[in-house]
Amino acid sequence: YLVRAASRADIRGVVRKSAPSAGL
């Protein structure tokens, strides 16, 4: 629900906190 709500807003992207350091 929150991911979709954020995705509709004016953001640059959505990234997982558990993403590898290089990707983050």
mmCIF file of all heavy atoms, coordinates in Angstrom:
data_MODEL
# 
_entry.id   MODEL 
# 
loop_
_atom_site.group_PDB 
_atom_site.id 
_atom_site.type_symbol 
_atom_site.label_atom_id 
_atom_site.label_alt_id 
_atom_site.label_comp_id 
_atom_site.label_asym_id 
_atom_site.label_entity_id 
_atom_site.label_seq_id 
_atom_site.pdbx_PDB_ins_code 
_atom_site.Cartn_x 
_atom_site.Cartn_y 
_atom_site.Cartn_z 
_atom_site.occupancy 
_atom_site.B_iso_or_equiv 
_atom_site.pdbx_formal_charge 
_atom_site.auth_seq_id 
_atom_site.auth_comp_id 
_atom_site.auth_asym_id 
_atom_site.auth_atom_id 
_atom_site.pdbx_PDB_model_num 
ATOM 1   N N   . TYR A 1 1  ? 0.839  -1.203 0.000   1.00 0.00 ? 1  TYR A N   1 
ATOM 2   C CA  . TYR A 1 1  ? 0.000  0.000  0.000   1.00 0.00 ? 1  TYR A CA  1 
ATOM 3   C C   . TYR A 1 1  ? 0.875  1.255  0.000   1.00 0.00 ? 1  TYR A C   1 
ATOM 4   O O   . TYR A 1 1  ? 0.675  2.176  -0.800  1.00 0.00 ? 1  TYR A O   1 
ATOM 5   C CB  . TYR A 1 1  ? -0.909 -0.018 1.218   1.00 0.00 ? 1  TYR A CB  1 
ATOM 6   C CG  . TYR A 1 1  ? -1.735 1.239  1.417   1.00 0.00 ? 1  TYR A CG  1 
ATOM 7   C CD1 . TYR A 1 1  ? -2.965 1.392  0.788   1.00 0.00 ? 1  TYR A CD1 1 
ATOM 8   C CD2 . TYR A 1 1  ? -1.287 2.258  2.248   1.00 0.00 ? 1  TYR A CD2 1 
ATOM 9   C CE1 . TYR A 1 1  ? -3.727 2.534  0.972   1.00 0.00 ? 1  TYR A CE1 1 
ATOM 10  C CE2 . TYR A 1 1  ? -2.036 3.405  2.439   1.00 0.00 ? 1  TYR A CE2 1 
ATOM 11  C CZ  . TYR A 1 1  ? -3.258 3.533  1.799   1.00 0.00 ? 1  TYR A CZ  1 
ATOM 12  O OH  . TYR A 1 1  ? -3.990 4.676  1.982   1.00 0.00 ? 1  TYR A OH  1 
ATOM 13  N N   . LEU A 1 2  ? 1.870  1.301  0.873   1.00 0.00 ? 2  LEU A N   1 
ATOM 14  C CA  . LEU A 1 2  ? 2.733  2.475  0.965   1.00 0.00 ? 2  LEU A CA  1 
ATOM 15  C C   . LEU A 1 2  ? 3.672  2.584  -0.228  1.00 0.00 ? 2  LEU A C   1 
ATOM 16  O O   . LEU A 1 2  ? 3.962  3.687  -0.700  1.00 0.00 ? 2  LEU A O   1 
ATOM 17  C CB  . LEU A 1 2  ? 3.539  2.435  2.270   1.00 0.00 ? 2  LEU A CB  1 
ATOM 18  C CG  . LEU A 1 2  ? 2.737  2.595  3.560   1.00 0.00 ? 2  LEU A CG  1 
ATOM 19  C CD1 . LEU A 1 2  ? 3.654  2.544  4.774   1.00 0.00 ? 2  LEU A CD1 1 
ATOM 20  C CD2 . LEU A 1 2  ? 1.957  3.907  3.562   1.00 0.00 ? 2  LEU A CD2 1 
ATOM 21  N N   . VAL A 1 3  ? 4.166  1.456  -0.715  1.00 0.00 ? 3  VAL A N   1 
ATOM 22  C CA  . VAL A 1 3  ? 5.047  1.484  -1.890  1.00 0.00 ? 3  VAL A CA  1 
ATOM 23  C C   . VAL A 1 3  ? 4.302  2.060  -3.086  1.00 0.00 ? 3  VAL A C   1 
ATOM 24  O O   . VAL A 1 3  ? 4.823  2.903  -3.825  1.00 0.00 ? 3  VAL A O   1 
ATOM 25  C CB  . VAL A 1 3  ? 5.574  0.073  -2.217  1.00 0.00 ? 3  VAL A CB  1 
ATOM 26  C CG1 . VAL A 1 3  ? 6.341  0.085  -3.534  1.00 0.00 ? 3  VAL A CG1 1 
ATOM 27  C CG2 . VAL A 1 3  ? 6.491  -0.428 -1.101  1.00 0.00 ? 3  VAL A CG2 1 
ATOM 28  N N   . ARG A 1 4  ? 3.053  1.641  -3.269  1.00 0.00 ? 4  ARG A N   1 
ATOM 29  C CA  . ARG A 1 4  ? 2.274  2.158  -4.387  1.00 0.00 ? 4  ARG A CA  1 
ATOM 30  C C   . ARG A 1 4  ? 1.948  3.629  -4.205  1.00 0.00 ? 4  ARG A C   1 
ATOM 31  O O   . ARG A 1 4  ? 1.970  4.409  -5.163  1.00 0.00 ? 4  ARG A O   1 
ATOM 32  C CB  . ARG A 1 4  ? 0.995  1.337  -4.542  1.00 0.00 ? 4  ARG A CB  1 
ATOM 33  C CG  . ARG A 1 4  ? 1.247  -0.056 -5.073  1.00 0.00 ? 4  ARG A CG  1 
ATOM 34  C CD  . ARG A 1 4  ? 0.023  -0.928 -4.945  1.00 0.00 ? 4  ARG A CD  1 
ATOM 35  N NE  . ARG A 1 4  ? 0.298  -2.292 -5.377  1.00 0.00 ? 4  ARG A NE  1 
ATOM 36  C CZ  . ARG A 1 4  ? -0.503 -3.315 -5.172  1.00 0.00 ? 4  ARG A CZ  1 
ATOM 37  N NH1 . ARG A 1 4  ? -1.624 -3.144 -4.509  1.00 0.00 ? 4  ARG A NH1 1 
ATOM 38  N NH2 . ARG A 1 4  ? -0.177 -4.515 -5.601  1.00 0.00 ? 4  ARG A NH2 1 
ATOM 39  N N   . ALA A 1 5  ? 1.645  4.014  -2.980  1.00 0.00 ? 5  ALA A N   1 
ATOM 40  C CA  . ALA A 1 5  ? 1.348  5.428  -2.715  1.00 0.00 ? 5  ALA A CA  1 
ATOM 41  C C   . ALA A 1 5  ? 2.552  6.296  -3.045  1.00 0.00 ? 5  ALA A C   1 
ATOM 42  O O   . ALA A 1 5  ? 2.415  7.365  -3.653  1.00 0.00 ? 5  ALA A O   1 
ATOM 43  C CB  . ALA A 1 5  ? 0.944  5.606  -1.253  1.00 0.00 ? 5  ALA A CB  1 
ATOM 44  N N   . ALA A 1 6  ? 3.735  5.850  -2.650  1.00 0.00 ? 6  ALA A N   1 
ATOM 45  C CA  . ALA A 1 6  ? 4.952  6.607  -2.945  1.00 0.00 ? 6  ALA A CA  1 
ATOM 46  C C   . ALA A 1 6  ? 5.234  6.629  -4.436  1.00 0.00 ? 6  ALA A C   1 
ATOM 47  O O   . ALA A 1 6  ? 5.689  7.642  -4.985  1.00 0.00 ? 6  ALA A O   1 
ATOM 48  C CB  . ALA A 1 6  ? 6.139  5.998  -2.191  1.00 0.00 ? 6  ALA A CB  1 
ATOM 49  N N   . SER A 1 7  ? 4.959  5.517  -5.123  1.00 0.00 ? 7  SER A N   1 
ATOM 50  C CA  . SER A 1 7  ? 5.258  5.414  -6.550  1.00 0.00 ? 7  SER A CA  1 
ATOM 51  C C   . SER A 1 7  ? 4.423  6.378  -7.385  1.00 0.00 ? 7  SER A C   1 
ATOM 52  O O   . SER A 1 7  ? 4.827  6.747  -8.489  1.00 0.00 ? 7  SER A O   1 
ATOM 53  C CB  . SER A 1 7  ? 5.019  3.980  -7.036  1.00 0.00 ? 7  SER A CB  1 
ATOM 54  O OG  . SER A 1 7  ? 5.904  3.087  -6.398  1.00 0.00 ? 7  SER A OG  1 
ATOM 55  N N   . ARG A 1 8  ? 3.261  6.768  -6.858  1.00 0.00 ? 8  ARG A N   1 
ATOM 56  C CA  . ARG A 1 8  ? 2.427  7.723  -7.591  1.00 0.00 ? 8  ARG A CA  1 
ATOM 57  C C   . ARG A 1 8  ? 2.904  9.163  -7.400  1.00 0.00 ? 8  ARG A C   1 
ATOM 58  O O   . ARG A 1 8  ? 2.434  10.065 -8.097  1.00 0.00 ? 8  ARG A O   1 
ATOM 59  C CB  . ARG A 1 8  ? 0.969  7.618  -7.135  1.00 0.00 ? 8  ARG A CB  1 
ATOM 60  C CG  . ARG A 1 8  ? 0.348  6.257  -7.335  1.00 0.00 ? 8  ARG A CG  1 
ATOM 61  C CD  . ARG A 1 8  ? -1.100 6.232  -6.853  1.00 0.00 ? 8  ARG A CD  1 
ATOM 62  N NE  . ARG A 1 8  ? -1.525 4.861  -6.615  1.00 0.00 ? 8  ARG A NE  1 
ATOM 63  C CZ  . ARG A 1 8  ? -1.906 4.377  -5.444  1.00 0.00 ? 8  ARG A CZ  1 
ATOM 64  N NH1 . ARG A 1 8  ? -1.933 5.180  -4.389  1.00 0.00 ? 8  ARG A NH1 1 
ATOM 65  N NH2 . ARG A 1 8  ? -2.254 3.120  -5.315  1.00 0.00 ? 8  ARG A NH2 1 
ATOM 66  N N   . ALA A 1 9  ? 3.797  9.388  -6.457  1.00 0.00 ? 9  ALA A N   1 
ATOM 67  C CA  . ALA A 1 9  ? 4.260  10.743 -6.136  1.00 0.00 ? 9  ALA A CA  1 
ATOM 68  C C   . ALA A 1 9  ? 5.480  11.107 -6.991  1.00 0.00 ? 9  ALA A C   1 
ATOM 69  O O   . ALA A 1 9  ? 6.001  10.300 -7.751  1.00 0.00 ? 9  ALA A O   1 
ATOM 70  C CB  . ALA A 1 9  ? 4.606  10.829 -4.651  1.00 0.00 ? 9  ALA A CB  1 
ATOM 71  N N   . ASP A 1 10 ? 5.929  12.340 -6.831  1.00 0.00 ? 10 ASP A N   1 
ATOM 72  C CA  . ASP A 1 10 ? 7.039  12.871 -7.629  1.00 0.00 ? 10 ASP A CA  1 
ATOM 73  C C   . ASP A 1 10 ? 8.370  12.481 -6.997  1.00 0.00 ? 10 ASP A C   1 
ATOM 74  O O   . ASP A 1 10 ? 9.041  13.297 -6.361  1.00 0.00 ? 10 ASP A O   1 
ATOM 75  C CB  . ASP A 1 10 ? 6.906  14.395 -7.725  1.00 0.00 ? 10 ASP A CB  1 
ATOM 76  C CG  . ASP A 1 10 ? 7.967  15.013 -8.634  1.00 0.00 ? 10 ASP A CG  1 
ATOM 77  O OD1 . ASP A 1 10 ? 8.618  14.263 -9.381  1.00 0.00 ? 10 ASP A OD1 1 
ATOM 78  O OD2 . ASP A 1 10 ? 8.130  16.242 -8.590  1.00 0.00 ? 10 ASP A OD2 1 
ATOM 79  N N   . ILE A 1 11 ? 8.752  11.218 -7.175  1.00 0.00 ? 11 ILE A N   1 
ATOM 80  C CA  . ILE A 1 11 ? 9.992  10.718 -6.595  1.00 0.00 ? 11 ILE A CA  1 
ATOM 81  C C   . ILE A 1 11 ? 10.954 10.302 -7.695  1.00 0.00 ? 11 ILE A C   1 
ATOM 82  O O   . ILE A 1 11 ? 10.575 10.153 -8.856  1.00 0.00 ? 11 ILE A O   1 
ATOM 83  C CB  . ILE A 1 11 ? 9.729  9.508  -5.667  1.00 0.00 ? 11 ILE A CB  1 
ATOM 84  C CG1 . ILE A 1 11 ? 9.089  8.355  -6.456  1.00 0.00 ? 11 ILE A CG1 1 
ATOM 85  C CG2 . ILE A 1 11 ? 8.842  9.918  -4.493  1.00 0.00 ? 11 ILE A CG2 1 
ATOM 86  C CD1 . ILE A 1 11 ? 8.948  7.070  -5.653  1.00 0.00 ? 11 ILE A CD1 1 
ATOM 87  N N   . ARG A 1 12 ? 12.222 10.104 -7.310  1.00 0.00 ? 12 ARG A N   1 
ATOM 88  C CA  . ARG A 1 12 ? 13.230 9.633  -8.265  1.00 0.00 ? 12 ARG A CA  1 
ATOM 89  C C   . ARG A 1 12 ? 13.247 8.119  -8.345  1.00 0.00 ? 12 ARG A C   1 
ATOM 90  O O   . ARG A 1 12 ? 13.742 7.551  -9.333  1.00 0.00 ? 12 ARG A O   1 
ATOM 91  C CB  . ARG A 1 12 ? 14.618 10.131 -7.870  1.00 0.00 ? 12 ARG A CB  1 
ATOM 92  C CG  . ARG A 1 12 ? 14.810 11.630 -7.882  1.00 0.00 ? 12 ARG A CG  1 
ATOM 93  C CD  . ARG A 1 12 ? 14.548 12.215 -9.257  1.00 0.00 ? 12 ARG A CD  1 
ATOM 94  N NE  . ARG A 1 12 ? 13.166 12.714 -9.383  1.00 0.00 ? 12 ARG A NE  1 
ATOM 95  C CZ  . ARG A 1 12 ? 12.648 13.163 -10.503 1.00 0.00 ? 12 ARG A CZ  1 
ATOM 96  N NH1 . ARG A 1 12 ? 13.344 13.148 -11.626 1.00 0.00 ? 12 ARG A NH1 1 
ATOM 97  N NH2 . ARG A 1 12 ? 11.408 13.592 -10.524 1.00 0.00 ? 12 ARG A NH2 1 
ATOM 98  N N   . GLY A 1 13 ? 12.765 7.414  -7.307  1.00 0.00 ? 13 GLY A N   1 
ATOM 99  C CA  . GLY A 1 13 ? 12.755 5.968  -7.327  1.00 0.00 ? 13 GLY A CA  1 
ATOM 100 C C   . GLY A 1 13 ? 12.486 5.378  -5.958  1.00 0.00 ? 13 GLY A C   1 
ATOM 101 O O   . GLY A 1 13 ? 12.336 6.106  -4.970  1.00 0.00 ? 13 GLY A O   1 
ATOM 102 N N   . VAL A 1 14 ? 12.410 4.048  -5.920  1.00 0.00 ? 14 VAL A N   1 
ATOM 103 C CA  . VAL A 1 14 ? 12.195 3.296  -4.684  1.00 0.00 ? 14 VAL A CA  1 
ATOM 104 C C   . VAL A 1 14 ? 13.304 2.263  -4.572  1.00 0.00 ? 14 VAL A C   1 
ATOM 105 O O   . VAL A 1 14 ? 13.524 1.479  -5.498  1.00 0.00 ? 14 VAL A O   1 
ATOM 106 C CB  . VAL A 1 14 ? 10.828 2.576  -4.688  1.00 0.00 ? 14 VAL A CB  1 
ATOM 107 C CG1 . VAL A 1 14 ? 10.647 1.774  -3.406  1.00 0.00 ? 14 VAL A CG1 1 
ATOM 108 C CG2 . VAL A 1 14 ? 9.690  3.575  -4.867  1.00 0.00 ? 14 VAL A CG2 1 
ATOM 109 N N   . VAL A 1 15 ? 14.011 2.256  -3.433  1.00 0.00 ? 15 VAL A N   1 
ATOM 110 C CA  . VAL A 1 15 ? 15.144 1.352  -3.234  1.00 0.00 ? 15 VAL A CA  1 
ATOM 111 C C   . VAL A 1 15 ? 14.983 0.624  -1.903  1.00 0.00 ? 15 VAL A C   1 
ATOM 112 O O   . VAL A 1 15 ? 14.590 1.223  -0.900  1.00 0.00 ? 15 VAL A O   1 
ATOM 113 C CB  . VAL A 1 15 ? 16.480 2.122  -3.229  1.00 0.00 ? 15 VAL A CB  1 
ATOM 114 C CG1 . VAL A 1 15 ? 17.653 1.166  -3.035  1.00 0.00 ? 15 VAL A CG1 1 
ATOM 115 C CG2 . VAL A 1 15 ? 16.650 2.901  -4.528  1.00 0.00 ? 15 VAL A CG2 1 
ATOM 116 N N   . ARG A 1 16 ? 15.276 -0.662 -1.909  1.00 0.00 ? 16 ARG A N   1 
ATOM 117 C CA  . ARG A 1 16 ? 15.228 -1.426 -0.665  1.00 0.00 ? 16 ARG A CA  1 
ATOM 118 C C   . ARG A 1 16 ? 16.392 -1.065 0.247   1.00 0.00 ? 16 ARG A C   1 
ATOM 119 O O   . ARG A 1 16 ? 17.510 -0.866 -0.215  1.00 0.00 ? 16 ARG A O   1 
ATOM 120 C CB  . ARG A 1 16 ? 15.286 -2.931 -0.956  1.00 0.00 ? 16 ARG A CB  1 
ATOM 121 C CG  . ARG A 1 16 ? 13.939 -3.546 -1.296  1.00 0.00 ? 16 ARG A CG  1 
ATOM 122 C CD  . ARG A 1 16 ? 14.066 -5.055 -1.423  1.00 0.00 ? 16 ARG A CD  1 
ATOM 123 N NE  . ARG A 1 16 ? 12.777 -5.663 -1.696  1.00 0.00 ? 16 ARG A NE  1 
ATOM 124 C CZ  . ARG A 1 16 ? 11.958 -6.105 -0.767  1.00 0.00 ? 16 ARG A CZ  1 
ATOM 125 N NH1 . ARG A 1 16 ? 12.281 -6.002 0.509   1.00 0.00 ? 16 ARG A NH1 1 
ATOM 126 N NH2 . ARG A 1 16 ? 10.803 -6.646 -1.096  1.00 0.00 ? 16 ARG A NH2 1 
ATOM 127 N N   . LYS A 1 17 ? 16.125 -1.031 1.541   1.00 0.00 ? 17 LYS A N   1 
ATOM 128 C CA  . LYS A 1 17 ? 17.190 -0.778 2.504   1.00 0.00 ? 17 LYS A CA  1 
ATOM 129 C C   . LYS A 1 17 ? 18.215 -1.908 2.514   1.00 0.00 ? 17 LYS A C   1 
ATOM 130 O O   . LYS A 1 17 ? 19.370 -1.709 2.898   1.00 0.00 ? 17 LYS A O   1 
ATOM 131 C CB  . LYS A 1 17 ? 16.609 -0.607 3.907   1.00 0.00 ? 17 LYS A CB  1 
ATOM 132 C CG  . LYS A 1 17 ? 15.770 0.651  4.086   1.00 0.00 ? 17 LYS A CG  1 
ATOM 133 C CD  . LYS A 1 17 ? 15.238 0.755  5.503   1.00 0.00 ? 17 LYS A CD  1 
ATOM 134 C CE  . LYS A 1 17 ? 14.398 2.004  5.690   1.00 0.00 ? 17 LYS A CE  1 
ATOM 135 N NZ  . LYS A 1 17 ? 13.871 2.134  7.072   1.00 0.00 ? 17 LYS A NZ  1 
ATOM 136 N N   . SER A 1 18 ? 17.795 -3.095 2.113   1.00 0.00 ? 18 SER A N   1 
ATOM 137 C CA  . SER A 1 18 ? 18.691 -4.249 2.094   1.00 0.00 ? 18 SER A CA  1 
ATOM 138 C C   . SER A 1 18 ? 19.480 -4.370 0.800   1.00 0.00 ? 18 SER A C   1 
ATOM 139 O O   . SER A 1 18 ? 20.195 -5.357 0.592   1.00 0.00 ? 18 SER A O   1 
ATOM 140 C CB  . SER A 1 18 ? 17.882 -5.531 2.308   1.00 0.00 ? 18 SER A CB  1 
ATOM 141 O OG  . SER A 1 18 ? 16.900 -5.680 1.289   1.00 0.00 ? 18 SER A OG  1 
ATOM 142 N N   . ALA A 1 19 ? 19.372 -3.372 -0.084  1.00 0.00 ? 19 ALA A N   1 
ATOM 143 C CA  . ALA A 1 19 ? 20.099 -3.426 -1.355  1.00 0.00 ? 19 ALA A CA  1 
ATOM 144 C C   . ALA A 1 19 ? 21.604 -3.450 -1.110  1.00 0.00 ? 19 ALA A C   1 
ATOM 145 O O   . ALA A 1 19 ? 22.094 -2.885 -0.121  1.00 0.00 ? 19 ALA A O   1 
ATOM 146 C CB  . ALA A 1 19 ? 19.735 -2.222 -2.217  1.00 0.00 ? 19 ALA A CB  1 
ATOM 147 N N   . PRO A 1 20 ? 22.382 -4.090 -1.992  1.00 0.00 ? 20 PRO A N   1 
ATOM 148 C CA  . PRO A 1 20 ? 23.841 -4.057 -1.869  1.00 0.00 ? 20 PRO A CA  1 
ATOM 149 C C   . PRO A 1 20 ? 24.345 -2.613 -1.856  1.00 0.00 ? 20 PRO A C   1 
ATOM 150 O O   . PRO A 1 20 ? 23.749 -1.739 -2.486  1.00 0.00 ? 20 PRO A O   1 
ATOM 151 C CB  . PRO A 1 20 ? 24.318 -4.805 -3.127  1.00 0.00 ? 20 PRO A CB  1 
ATOM 152 C CG  . PRO A 1 20 ? 23.172 -5.696 -3.487  1.00 0.00 ? 20 PRO A CG  1 
ATOM 153 C CD  . PRO A 1 20 ? 21.931 -4.919 -3.123  1.00 0.00 ? 20 PRO A CD  1 
ATOM 154 N N   . SER A 1 21 ? 25.435 -2.383 -1.159  1.00 0.00 ? 21 SER A N   1 
ATOM 155 C CA  . SER A 1 21 ? 25.957 -1.024 -1.013  1.00 0.00 ? 21 SER A CA  1 
ATOM 156 C C   . SER A 1 21 ? 26.210 -0.354 -2.351  1.00 0.00 ? 21 SER A C   1 
ATOM 157 O O   . SER A 1 21 ? 25.892 0.821  -2.546  1.00 0.00 ? 21 SER A O   1 
ATOM 158 C CB  . SER A 1 21 ? 27.252 -1.052 -0.201  1.00 0.00 ? 21 SER A CB  1 
ATOM 159 O OG  . SER A 1 21 ? 27.016 -1.525 1.096   1.00 0.00 ? 21 SER A OG  1 
ATOM 160 N N   . ALA A 1 22 ? 26.805 -1.103 -3.286  1.00 0.00 ? 22 ALA A N   1 
ATOM 161 C CA  . ALA A 1 22 ? 27.131 -0.519 -4.590  1.00 0.00 ? 22 ALA A CA  1 
ATOM 162 C C   . ALA A 1 22 ? 25.862 -0.048 -5.297  1.00 0.00 ? 22 ALA A C   1 
ATOM 163 O O   . ALA A 1 22 ? 25.833 1.034  -5.904  1.00 0.00 ? 22 ALA A O   1 
ATOM 164 C CB  . ALA A 1 22 ? 27.864 -1.541 -5.449  1.00 0.00 ? 22 ALA A CB  1 
ATOM 165 N N   . GLY A 1 23 ? 24.801 -0.847 -5.227  1.00 0.00 ? 23 GLY A N   1 
ATOM 166 C CA  . GLY A 1 23 ? 23.549 -0.463 -5.865  1.00 0.00 ? 23 GLY A CA  1 
ATOM 167 C C   . GLY A 1 23 ? 22.904 0.736  -5.213  1.00 0.00 ? 23 GLY A C   1 
ATOM 168 O O   . GLY A 1 23 ? 22.356 1.615  -5.887  1.00 0.00 ? 23 GLY A O   1 
ATOM 169 N N   . LEU A 1 24 ? 22.967 0.794  -3.885  1.00 0.00 ? 24 LEU A N   1 
ATOM 170 C CA  . LEU A 1 24 ? 22.400 1.930  -3.159  1.00 0.00 ? 24 LEU A CA  1 
ATOM 171 C C   . LEU A 1 24 ? 23.154 3.216  -3.483  1.00 0.00 ? 24 LEU A C   1 
ATOM 172 O O   . LEU A 1 24 ? 22.551 4.267  -3.711  1.00 0.00 ? 24 LEU A O   1 
ATOM 173 C CB  . LEU A 1 24 ? 22.428 1.663  -1.657  1.00 0.00 ? 24 LEU A CB  1 
ATOM 174 C CG  . LEU A 1 24 ? 21.853 2.761  -0.762  1.00 0.00 ? 24 LEU A CG  1 
ATOM 175 C CD1 . LEU A 1 24 ? 20.408 3.070  -1.128  1.00 0.00 ? 24 LEU A CD1 1 
ATOM 176 C CD2 . LEU A 1 24 ? 21.948 2.347  0.714   1.00 0.00 ? 24 LEU A CD2 1 
# 
